């Protein structure tokens, strides 16, 4: 996910995307524990996407 895509999303879309990424991260963690992960690079991509979304969401919400 690119930062331009994240910035164009509304806060509600960001929250939905964050929730789905956290679920995927949870599932990948279980697959890693049982040795069933096929795409090991996906774990790092998801972690970075979550950080991007949290950063933009924090910037968009009023203080």
PDB file of N, CA and C in Angstrom:
ATOM      1  N   UNK A   1       0.848  -1.165   0.000  1.00  0.00           N
ATOM      2  CA  UNK A   1       0.000   0.000   0.000  1.00  0.00           C
ATOM      3  C   UNK A   1       0.903   1.241   0.000  1.00  0.00           C
ATOM      4  N   UNK A   2       0.602   2.149  -0.877  1.00  0.00           N
ATOM      5  CA  UNK A   2       1.415   3.353  -0.989  1.00  0.00           C
ATOM      6  C   UNK A   2       0.843   4.454  -0.112  1.00  0.00           C
ATOM      7  N   UNK A   3       1.705   5.376   0.300  1.00  0.00           N
ATOM      8  CA  UNK A   3       1.297   6.441   1.200  1.00  0.00           C
ATOM      9  C   UNK A   3       0.262   7.347   0.539  1.00  0.00           C
ATOM     10  N   UNK A   4       0.346   7.551  -0.771  1.00  0.00           N
ATOM     11  CA  UNK A   4      -0.634   8.384  -1.476  1.00  0.00           C
ATOM     12  C   UNK A   4      -2.027   7.761  -1.390  1.00  0.00           C
ATOM     13  N   UNK A   5      -2.092   6.436  -1.471  1.00  0.00           N
ATOM     14  CA  UNK A   5      -3.380   5.743  -1.339  1.00  0.00           C
ATOM     15  C   UNK A   5      -3.942   5.922   0.059  1.00  0.00           C
ATOM     16  N   UNK A   6      -3.080   5.839   1.043  1.00  0.00           N
ATOM     17  CA  UNK A   6      -3.515   5.957   2.438  1.00  0.00           C
ATOM     18  C   UNK A   6      -4.007   7.377   2.719  1.00  0.00           C
ATOM     19  N   UNK A   7      -3.304   8.366   2.211  1.00  0.00           N
ATOM     20  CA  UNK A   7      -3.695   9.754   2.452  1.00  0.00           C
ATOM     21  C   UNK A   7      -5.009  10.121   1.791  1.00  0.00           C
ATOM     22  N   UNK A   8      -5.362   9.441   0.711  1.00  0.00           N
ATOM     23  CA  UNK A   8      -6.609   9.751   0.015  1.00  0.00           C
ATOM     24  C   UNK A   8      -7.837   9.127   0.683  1.00  0.00           C
ATOM     25  N   UNK A   9      -7.621   8.242   1.639  1.00  0.00           N
ATOM     26  CA  UNK A   9      -8.733   7.577   2.329  1.00  0.00           C
ATOM     27  C   UNK A   9      -9.337   8.469   3.410  1.00  0.00           C
ATOM     28  N   UNK A  10     -10.620   8.225   3.697  1.00  0.00           N
ATOM     29  CA  UNK A  10     -11.278   8.926   4.794  1.00  0.00           C
ATOM     30  C   UNK A  10     -10.914   8.229   6.101  1.00  0.00           C
ATOM     31  N   UNK A  11     -11.117   8.895   7.235  1.00  0.00           N
ATOM     32  CA  UNK A  11     -10.806   8.236   8.517  1.00  0.00           C
ATOM     33  C   UNK A  11     -11.572   6.928   8.728  1.00  0.00           C
ATOM     34  N   UNK A  12     -12.814   6.848   8.248  1.00  0.00           N
ATOM     35  CA  UNK A  12     -13.572   5.598   8.388  1.00  0.00           C
ATOM     36  C   UNK A  12     -12.957   4.483   7.549  1.00  0.00           C
ATOM     37  N   UNK A  13     -12.529   4.816   6.344  1.00  0.00           N
ATOM     38  CA  UNK A  13     -11.886   3.824   5.491  1.00  0.00           C
ATOM     39  C   UNK A  13     -10.562   3.378   6.098  1.00  0.00           C
ATOM     40  N   UNK A  14      -9.844   4.315   6.683  1.00  0.00           N
ATOM     41  CA  UNK A  14      -8.573   3.979   7.333  1.00  0.00           C
ATOM     42  C   UNK A  14      -8.795   3.028   8.498  1.00  0.00           C
ATOM     43  N   UNK A  15      -9.835   3.283   9.278  1.00  0.00           N
ATOM     44  CA  UNK A  15     -10.121   2.417  10.419  1.00  0.00           C
ATOM     45  C   UNK A  15     -10.491   1.007   9.953  1.00  0.00           C
ATOM     46  N   UNK A  16     -11.283   0.912   8.883  1.00  0.00           N
ATOM     47  CA  UNK A  16     -11.652  -0.401   8.347  1.00  0.00           C
ATOM     48  C   UNK A  16     -10.428  -1.141   7.806  1.00  0.00           C
ATOM     49  N   UNK A  17      -9.581  -0.412   7.106  1.00  0.00           N
ATOM     50  CA  UNK A  17      -8.382  -1.012   6.558  1.00  0.00           C
ATOM     51  C   UNK A  17      -7.444  -1.473   7.669  1.00  0.00           C
ATOM     52  N   UNK A  18      -7.339  -0.671   8.715  1.00  0.00           N
ATOM     53  CA  UNK A  18      -6.497  -1.023   9.857  1.00  0.00           C
ATOM     54  C   UNK A  18      -6.996  -2.300  10.520  1.00  0.00           C
ATOM     55  N   UNK A  19      -8.300  -2.412  10.670  1.00  0.00           N
ATOM     56  CA  UNK A  19      -8.881  -3.604  11.283  1.00  0.00           C
ATOM     57  C   UNK A  19      -8.594  -4.854  10.448  1.00  0.00           C
ATOM     58  N   UNK A  20      -8.744  -4.759   9.138  1.00  0.00           N
ATOM     59  CA  UNK A  20      -8.503  -5.928   8.289  1.00  0.00           C
ATOM     60  C   UNK A  20      -7.020  -6.309   8.284  1.00  0.00           C
ATOM     61  N   UNK A  21      -6.131  -5.311   8.316  1.00  0.00           N
ATOM     62  CA  UNK A  21      -4.703  -5.617   8.364  1.00  0.00           C
ATOM     63  C   UNK A  21      -4.316  -6.262   9.687  1.00  0.00           C
ATOM     64  N   UNK A  22      -4.914  -5.814  10.780  1.00  0.00           N
ATOM     65  CA  UNK A  22      -4.621  -6.427  12.076  1.00  0.00           C
ATOM     66  C   UNK A  22      -5.092  -7.875  12.116  1.00  0.00           C
ATOM     67  N   UNK A  23      -6.236  -8.164  11.494  1.00  0.00           N
ATOM     68  CA  UNK A  23      -6.720  -9.539  11.429  1.00  0.00           C
ATOM     69  C   UNK A  23      -5.777 -10.404  10.601  1.00  0.00           C
ATOM     70  N   UNK A  24      -5.315  -9.851   9.481  1.00  0.00           N
ATOM     71  CA  UNK A  24      -4.384 -10.596   8.644  1.00  0.00           C
ATOM     72  C   UNK A  24      -3.065 -10.835   9.374  1.00  0.00           C
ATOM     73  N   UNK A  25      -2.609  -9.834  10.114  1.00  0.00           N
ATOM     74  CA  UNK A  25      -1.379  -9.971  10.893  1.00  0.00           C
ATOM     75  C   UNK A  25      -1.536 -11.062  11.946  1.00  0.00           C
ATOM     76  N   UNK A  26      -2.683 -11.107  12.593  1.00  0.00           N
ATOM     77  CA  UNK A  26      -2.966 -12.132  13.597  1.00  0.00           C
ATOM     78  C   UNK A  26      -2.913 -13.528  12.974  1.00  0.00           C
ATOM     79  N   UNK A  27      -3.543 -13.675  11.817  1.00  0.00           N
ATOM     80  CA  UNK A  27      -3.545 -14.972  11.133  1.00  0.00           C
ATOM     81  C   UNK A  27      -2.141 -15.384  10.700  1.00  0.00           C
ATOM     82  N   UNK A  28      -1.364 -14.427  10.214  1.00  0.00           N
ATOM     83  CA  UNK A  28       0.001 -14.744   9.808  1.00  0.00           C
ATOM     84  C   UNK A  28       0.870 -15.137  10.999  1.00  0.00           C
ATOM     85  N   UNK A  29       0.599 -14.528  12.147  1.00  0.00           N
ATOM     86  CA  UNK A  29       1.358 -14.885  13.342  1.00  0.00           C
ATOM     87  C   UNK A  29       1.106 -16.337  13.720  1.00  0.00           C
ATOM     88  N   UNK A  30      -0.146 -16.779  13.616  1.00  0.00           N
ATOM     89  CA  UNK A  30      -0.464 -18.175  13.908  1.00  0.00           C
ATOM     90  C   UNK A  30       0.167 -19.103  12.885  1.00  0.00           C
ATOM     91  N   UNK A  31       0.145 -18.707  11.604  1.00  0.00           N
ATOM     92  CA  UNK A  31       0.769 -19.533  10.576  1.00  0.00           C
ATOM     93  C   UNK A  31       2.276 -19.642  10.809  1.00  0.00           C
ATOM     94  N   UNK A  32       2.888 -18.553  11.246  1.00  0.00           N
ATOM     95  CA  UNK A  32       4.328 -18.579  11.514  1.00  0.00           C
ATOM     96  C   UNK A  32       4.638 -19.509  12.681  1.00  0.00           C
ATOM     97  N   UNK A  33       3.774 -19.521  13.670  1.00  0.00           N
ATOM     98  CA  UNK A  33       4.001 -20.358  14.841  1.00  0.00           C
ATOM     99  C   UNK A  33       3.905 -21.843  14.490  1.00  0.00           C
ATOM    100  N   UNK A  34       3.060 -22.172  13.521  1.00  0.00           N
ATOM    101  CA  UNK A  34       2.902 -23.569  13.129  1.00  0.00           C
ATOM    102  C   UNK A  34       3.758 -23.933  11.921  1.00  0.00           C
ATOM    103  N   UNK A  35       4.506 -22.958  11.400  1.00  0.00           N
ATOM    104  CA  UNK A  35       5.389 -23.227  10.281  1.00  0.00           C
ATOM    105  C   UNK A  35       4.696 -23.330   8.940  1.00  0.00           C
ATOM    106  N   UNK A  36       3.562 -22.667   8.771  1.00  0.00           N
ATOM    107  CA  UNK A  36       2.787 -22.772   7.540  1.00  0.00           C
ATOM    108  C   UNK A  36       2.827 -21.509   6.679  1.00  0.00           C
ATOM    109  N   UNK A  37       3.670 -20.549   6.993  1.00  0.00           N
ATOM    110  CA  UNK A  37       3.707 -19.300   6.241  1.00  0.00           C
ATOM    111  C   UNK A  37       4.376 -19.527   4.895  1.00  0.00           C
ATOM    112  N   UNK A  38       3.668 -19.152   3.817  1.00  0.00           N
ATOM    113  CA  UNK A  38       4.234 -19.260   2.480  1.00  0.00           C
ATOM    114  C   UNK A  38       4.961 -17.980   2.092  1.00  0.00           C
ATOM    115  N   UNK A  39       4.352 -16.852   2.398  1.00  0.00           N
ATOM    116  CA  UNK A  39       4.913 -15.554   2.013  1.00  0.00           C
ATOM    117  C   UNK A  39       5.429 -14.841   3.268  1.00  0.00           C
ATOM    118  N   UNK A  40       6.647 -15.113   3.620  1.00  0.00           N
ATOM    119  CA  UNK A  40       7.197 -14.538   4.845  1.00  0.00           C
ATOM    120  C   UNK A  40       7.384 -13.033   4.748  1.00  0.00           C
ATOM    121  N   UNK A  41       7.554 -12.503   3.546  1.00  0.00           N
ATOM    122  CA  UNK A  41       7.719 -11.059   3.378  1.00  0.00           C
ATOM    123  C   UNK A  41       6.438 -10.296   3.681  1.00  0.00           C
ATOM    124  N   UNK A  42       5.320 -10.976   3.614  1.00  0.00           N
ATOM    125  CA  UNK A  42       4.023 -10.326   3.844  1.00  0.00           C
ATOM    126  C   UNK A  42       3.904  -9.826   5.287  1.00  0.00           C
ATOM    127  N   UNK A  43       4.543 -10.494   6.227  1.00  0.00           N
ATOM    128  CA  UNK A  43       4.491 -10.089   7.635  1.00  0.00           C
ATOM    129  C   UNK A  43       5.064  -8.677   7.788  1.00  0.00           C
ATOM    130  N   UNK A  44       6.194  -8.428   7.166  1.00  0.00           N
ATOM    131  CA  UNK A  44       6.819  -7.107   7.249  1.00  0.00           C
ATOM    132  C   UNK A  44       6.003  -6.052   6.508  1.00  0.00           C
ATOM    133  N   UNK A  45       5.435  -6.421   5.354  1.00  0.00           N
ATOM    134  CA  UNK A  45       4.603  -5.474   4.598  1.00  0.00           C
ATOM    135  C   UNK A  45       3.395  -5.042   5.417  1.00  0.00           C
ATOM    136  N   UNK A  46       2.755  -5.977   6.066  1.00  0.00           N
ATOM    137  CA  UNK A  46       1.574  -5.663   6.868  1.00  0.00           C
ATOM    138  C   UNK A  46       1.946  -4.762   8.026  1.00  0.00           C
ATOM    139  N   UNK A  47       3.060  -5.062   8.679  1.00  0.00           N
ATOM    140  CA  UNK A  47       3.494  -4.236   9.806  1.00  0.00           C
ATOM    141  C   UNK A  47       3.718  -2.793   9.367  1.00  0.00           C
ATOM    142  N   UNK A  48       4.326  -2.604   8.228  1.00  0.00           N
ATOM    143  CA  UNK A  48       4.588  -1.257   7.725  1.00  0.00           C
ATOM    144  C   UNK A  48       3.315  -0.557   7.275  1.00  0.00           C
ATOM    145  N   UNK A  49       2.391  -1.307   6.665  1.00  0.00           N
ATOM    146  CA  UNK A  49       1.113  -0.718   6.257  1.00  0.00           C
ATOM    147  C   UNK A  49       0.323  -0.248   7.480  1.00  0.00           C
ATOM    148  N   UNK A  50       0.354  -1.034   8.551  1.00  0.00           N
ATOM    149  CA  UNK A  50      -0.330  -0.642   9.782  1.00  0.00           C
ATOM    150  C   UNK A  50       0.272   0.651  10.320  1.00  0.00           C
ATOM    151  N   UNK A  51       1.580   0.758  10.295  1.00  0.00           N
ATOM    152  CA  UNK A  51       2.242   1.976  10.773  1.00  0.00           C
ATOM    153  C   UNK A  51       1.865   3.178   9.912  1.00  0.00           C
ATOM    154  N   UNK A  52       1.811   2.993   8.591  1.00  0.00           N
ATOM    155  CA  UNK A  52       1.414   4.085   7.702  1.00  0.00           C
ATOM    156  C   UNK A  52       0.007   4.561   8.010  1.00  0.00           C
ATOM    157  N   UNK A  53      -0.900   3.610   8.163  1.00  0.00           N
ATOM    158  CA  UNK A  53      -2.299   3.959   8.409  1.00  0.00           C
ATOM    159  C   UNK A  53      -2.436   4.670   9.750  1.00  0.00           C
ATOM    160  N   UNK A  54      -1.765   4.167  10.777  1.00  0.00           N
ATOM    161  CA  UNK A  54      -1.844   4.807  12.087  1.00  0.00           C
ATOM    162  C   UNK A  54      -1.298   6.229  12.045  1.00  0.00           C
ATOM    163  N   UNK A  55      -0.225   6.450  11.300  1.00  0.00           N
ATOM    164  CA  UNK A  55       0.378   7.782  11.195  1.00  0.00           C
ATOM    165  C   UNK A  55      -0.581   8.753  10.524  1.00  0.00           C
ATOM    166  N   UNK A  56      -1.168   8.351   9.405  1.00  0.00           N
ATOM    167  CA  UNK A  56      -2.088   9.228   8.677  1.00  0.00           C
ATOM    168  C   UNK A  56      -3.366   9.434   9.483  1.00  0.00           C
ATOM    169  N   UNK A  57      -3.848   8.405  10.130  1.00  0.00           N
ATOM    170  CA  UNK A  57      -5.058   8.519  10.940  1.00  0.00           C
ATOM    171  C   UNK A  57      -4.844   9.486  12.093  1.00  0.00           C
ATOM    172  N   UNK A  58      -3.687   9.428  12.708  1.00  0.00           N
ATOM    173  CA  UNK A  58      -3.367  10.337  13.796  1.00  0.00           C
ATOM    174  C   UNK A  58      -3.305  11.790  13.297  1.00  0.00           C
ATOM    175  N   UNK A  59      -2.775  11.977  12.093  1.00  0.00           N
ATOM    176  CA  UNK A  59      -2.665  13.319  11.536  1.00  0.00           C
ATOM    177  C   UNK A  59      -4.031  13.873  11.123  1.00  0.00           C
ATOM    178  N   UNK A  60      -4.951  13.006  10.742  1.00  0.00           N
ATOM    179  CA  UNK A  60      -6.269  13.457  10.279  1.00  0.00           C
ATOM    180  C   UNK A  60      -7.252  13.731  11.406  1.00  0.00           C
ATOM    181  N   UNK A  61      -7.048  13.095  12.539  1.00  0.00           N
ATOM    182  CA  UNK A  61      -7.988  13.296  13.646  1.00  0.00           C
ATOM    183  C   UNK A  61      -7.663  14.583  14.377  1.00  0.00           C
ATOM    184  N   UNK A  62      -8.694  15.337  14.752  1.00  0.00           N
ATOM    185  CA  UNK A  62      -8.437  16.593  15.473  1.00  0.00           C
ATOM    186  C   UNK A  62      -7.912  16.329  16.888  1.00  0.00           C
ATOM    187  N   UNK A  63      -7.143  17.253  17.372  1.00  0.00           N
ATOM    188  CA  UNK A  63      -6.509  17.102  18.679  1.00  0.00           C
ATOM    189  C   UNK A  63      -7.419  17.289  19.823  1.00  0.00           C
TER     190      UNK A  63
END
